[in-house]
């Protein structure tokens, strides 16, 4: 009986330690679309959606050059780097209109 309690205790402790990792992964996926239109990204800091089109792709390339970064797909960036981009993007809107 004592062995069963020890086993169940270990199982519950393991589940409690693993649960936050699963929740973090689910939260990251939620930021990907956050009810944004197709090919959209949610800007968590500014609480808005950004459509990823040719115009956004050009802006992203400009940001990479300005930051002296090697090109990587935006979707592969860490959340912090994506936030840096969206901050820069809000500070550098399109000349013709703000598409955000």
C-alpha atoms as a PDB file:
ATOM      1  CA  UNK A   1       0.000   0.000   0.000  1.00  0.00           C
ATOM      2  CA  UNK A   2       2.806   2.378   0.872  1.00  0.00           C
ATOM      3  CA  UNK A   3       4.475   1.573  -2.451  1.00  0.00           C
ATOM      4  CA  UNK A   4       1.246   2.546  -4.283  1.00  0.00           C
ATOM      5  CA  UNK A   5       1.105   5.909  -2.446  1.00  0.00           C
ATOM      6  CA  UNK A   6       4.725   6.615  -3.322  1.00  0.00           C
ATOM      7  CA  UNK A   7       4.078   5.732  -6.983  1.00  0.00           C
ATOM      8  CA  UNK A   8       0.975   7.941  -7.183  1.00  0.00           C
ATOM      9  CA  UNK A   9       2.800  10.791  -5.437  1.00  0.00           C
ATOM     10  CA  UNK A  10       5.648  10.599  -7.943  1.00  0.00           C
ATOM     11  CA  UNK A  11       3.192  10.498 -10.829  1.00  0.00           C
ATOM     12  CA  UNK A  12       1.313  13.572  -9.571  1.00  0.00           C
ATOM     13  CA  UNK A  13       4.550  15.475  -8.958  1.00  0.00           C
ATOM     14  CA  UNK A  14       5.764  14.682 -12.473  1.00  0.00           C
ATOM     15  CA  UNK A  15       2.469  15.844 -13.991  1.00  0.00           C
ATOM     16  CA  UNK A  16       2.616  19.074 -11.990  1.00  0.00           C
ATOM     17  CA  UNK A  17       6.130  19.774 -13.256  1.00  0.00           C
ATOM     18  CA  UNK A  18       5.304  19.023 -16.901  1.00  0.00           C
ATOM     19  CA  UNK A  19       1.975  20.918 -17.094  1.00  0.00           C
ATOM     20  CA  UNK A  20       3.455  24.454 -17.342  1.00  0.00           C
ATOM     21  CA  UNK A  21       5.565  23.436 -20.353  1.00  0.00           C
ATOM     22  CA  UNK A  22       2.455  22.196 -22.170  1.00  0.00           C
ATOM     23  CA  UNK A  23       0.550  25.352 -21.332  1.00  0.00           C
ATOM     24  CA  UNK A  24       3.417  27.514 -22.596  1.00  0.00           C
ATOM     25  CA  UNK A  25       3.470  25.673 -25.926  1.00  0.00           C
ATOM     26  CA  UNK A  26      -0.297  26.066 -26.304  1.00  0.00           C
ATOM     27  CA  UNK A  27      -0.011  29.784 -25.491  1.00  0.00           C
ATOM     28  CA  UNK A  28       2.670  30.257 -28.169  1.00  0.00           C
ATOM     29  CA  UNK A  29       0.430  28.631 -30.793  1.00  0.00           C
ATOM     30  CA  UNK A  30      -2.433  30.884 -29.707  1.00  0.00           C
ATOM     31  CA  UNK A  31      -0.298  33.970 -30.466  1.00  0.00           C
ATOM     32  CA  UNK A  32       0.303  32.706 -34.015  1.00  0.00           C
ATOM     33  CA  UNK A  33      -3.226  33.470 -35.181  1.00  0.00           C
ATOM     34  CA  UNK A  34      -5.201  34.911 -32.219  1.00  0.00           C
ATOM     35  CA  UNK A  35      -8.227  35.064 -34.530  1.00  0.00           C
ATOM     36  CA  UNK A  36      -6.209  36.967 -37.131  1.00  0.00           C
ATOM     37  CA  UNK A  37      -7.056  36.549 -40.816  1.00  0.00           C
ATOM     38  CA  UNK A  38      -5.130  34.046 -42.942  1.00  0.00           C
ATOM     39  CA  UNK A  39      -1.373  34.565 -42.889  1.00  0.00           C
ATOM     40  CA  UNK A  40      -1.831  36.902 -39.942  1.00  0.00           C
ATOM     41  CA  UNK A  41       0.302  37.357 -36.857  1.00  0.00           C
ATOM     42  CA  UNK A  42      -0.852  38.664 -33.514  1.00  0.00           C
ATOM     43  CA  UNK A  43       1.254  41.403 -31.924  1.00  0.00           C
ATOM     44  CA  UNK A  44       0.890  40.640 -28.232  1.00  0.00           C
ATOM     45  CA  UNK A  45       2.383  43.956 -27.060  1.00  0.00           C
ATOM     46  CA  UNK A  46       0.207  46.180 -29.267  1.00  0.00           C
ATOM     47  CA  UNK A  47      -2.759  43.775 -29.215  1.00  0.00           C
ATOM     48  CA  UNK A  48      -3.351  43.856 -32.964  1.00  0.00           C
ATOM     49  CA  UNK A  49      -3.128  41.613 -36.012  1.00  0.00           C
ATOM     50  CA  UNK A  50      -0.709  42.020 -38.889  1.00  0.00           C
ATOM     51  CA  UNK A  51      -1.343  40.491 -42.292  1.00  0.00           C
ATOM     52  CA  UNK A  52       1.780  38.945 -43.774  1.00  0.00           C
ATOM     53  CA  UNK A  53       1.858  39.993 -47.411  1.00  0.00           C
ATOM     54  CA  UNK A  54       4.499  41.245 -49.861  1.00  0.00           C
ATOM     55  CA  UNK A  55       4.461  44.653 -48.201  1.00  0.00           C
ATOM     56  CA  UNK A  56       5.085  43.156 -44.755  1.00  0.00           C
ATOM     57  CA  UNK A  57       7.763  40.914 -46.177  1.00  0.00           C
ATOM     58  CA  UNK A  58       9.617  43.970 -47.564  1.00  0.00           C
ATOM     59  CA  UNK A  59       9.315  45.735 -44.212  1.00  0.00           C
ATOM     60  CA  UNK A  60      10.670  42.639 -42.455  1.00  0.00           C
ATOM     61  CA  UNK A  61      13.657  42.509 -44.820  1.00  0.00           C
ATOM     62  CA  UNK A  62      14.315  46.213 -44.122  1.00  0.00           C
ATOM     63  CA  UNK A  63      14.224  45.483 -40.386  1.00  0.00           C
ATOM     64  CA  UNK A  64      16.669  42.598 -40.788  1.00  0.00           C
ATOM     65  CA  UNK A  65      19.065  44.867 -42.680  1.00  0.00           C
ATOM     66  CA  UNK A  66      18.686  47.695 -40.161  1.00  0.00           C
ATOM     67  CA  UNK A  67      19.399  45.269 -37.301  1.00  0.00           C
ATOM     68  CA  UNK A  68      22.263  43.563 -39.200  1.00  0.00           C
ATOM     69  CA  UNK A  69      20.520  40.210 -38.852  1.00  0.00           C
ATOM     70  CA  UNK A  70      20.934  37.174 -41.060  1.00  0.00           C
ATOM     71  CA  UNK A  71      17.685  36.330 -42.845  1.00  0.00           C
ATOM     72  CA  UNK A  72      15.408  33.860 -41.068  1.00  0.00           C
ATOM     73  CA  UNK A  73      11.734  33.195 -41.616  1.00  0.00           C
ATOM     74  CA  UNK A  74       9.705  35.353 -39.265  1.00  0.00           C
ATOM     75  CA  UNK A  75       7.841  32.296 -37.998  1.00  0.00           C
ATOM     76  CA  UNK A  76      11.135  30.788 -36.814  1.00  0.00           C
ATOM     77  CA  UNK A  77      12.074  33.778 -34.621  1.00  0.00           C
ATOM     78  CA  UNK A  78      11.817  33.593 -30.845  1.00  0.00           C
ATOM     79  CA  UNK A  79       8.840  35.431 -29.350  1.00  0.00           C
ATOM     80  CA  UNK A  80      11.134  38.189 -28.059  1.00  0.00           C
ATOM     81  CA  UNK A  81      12.594  38.806 -31.517  1.00  0.00           C
ATOM     82  CA  UNK A  82       9.115  38.881 -33.036  1.00  0.00           C
ATOM     83  CA  UNK A  83       8.121  41.472 -30.430  1.00  0.00           C
ATOM     84  CA  UNK A  84      11.199  43.544 -31.353  1.00  0.00           C
ATOM     85  CA  UNK A  85      10.104  43.462 -34.984  1.00  0.00           C
ATOM     86  CA  UNK A  86       6.521  44.496 -34.234  1.00  0.00           C
ATOM     87  CA  UNK A  87       7.781  47.350 -32.034  1.00  0.00           C
ATOM     88  CA  UNK A  88      10.016  48.520 -34.885  1.00  0.00           C
ATOM     89  CA  UNK A  89       7.153  48.065 -37.359  1.00  0.00           C
ATOM     90  CA  UNK A  90       4.845  50.310 -35.352  1.00  0.00           C
ATOM     91  CA  UNK A  91       7.594  52.931 -35.284  1.00  0.00           C
ATOM     92  CA  UNK A  92       8.083  52.597 -39.077  1.00  0.00           C
ATOM     93  CA  UNK A  93       4.623  52.520 -40.679  1.00  0.00           C
ATOM     94  CA  UNK A  94       4.149  52.380 -44.431  1.00  0.00           C
ATOM     95  CA  UNK A  95       4.374  55.723 -46.217  1.00  0.00           C
ATOM     96  CA  UNK A  96       1.073  55.367 -48.057  1.00  0.00           C
ATOM     97  CA  UNK A  97      -1.006  54.016 -45.182  1.00  0.00           C
ATOM     98  CA  UNK A  98      -0.654  52.142 -41.971  1.00  0.00           C
ATOM     99  CA  UNK A  99      -1.715  48.587 -42.743  1.00  0.00           C
ATOM    100  CA  UNK A 100      -1.864  47.375 -39.148  1.00  0.00           C
END
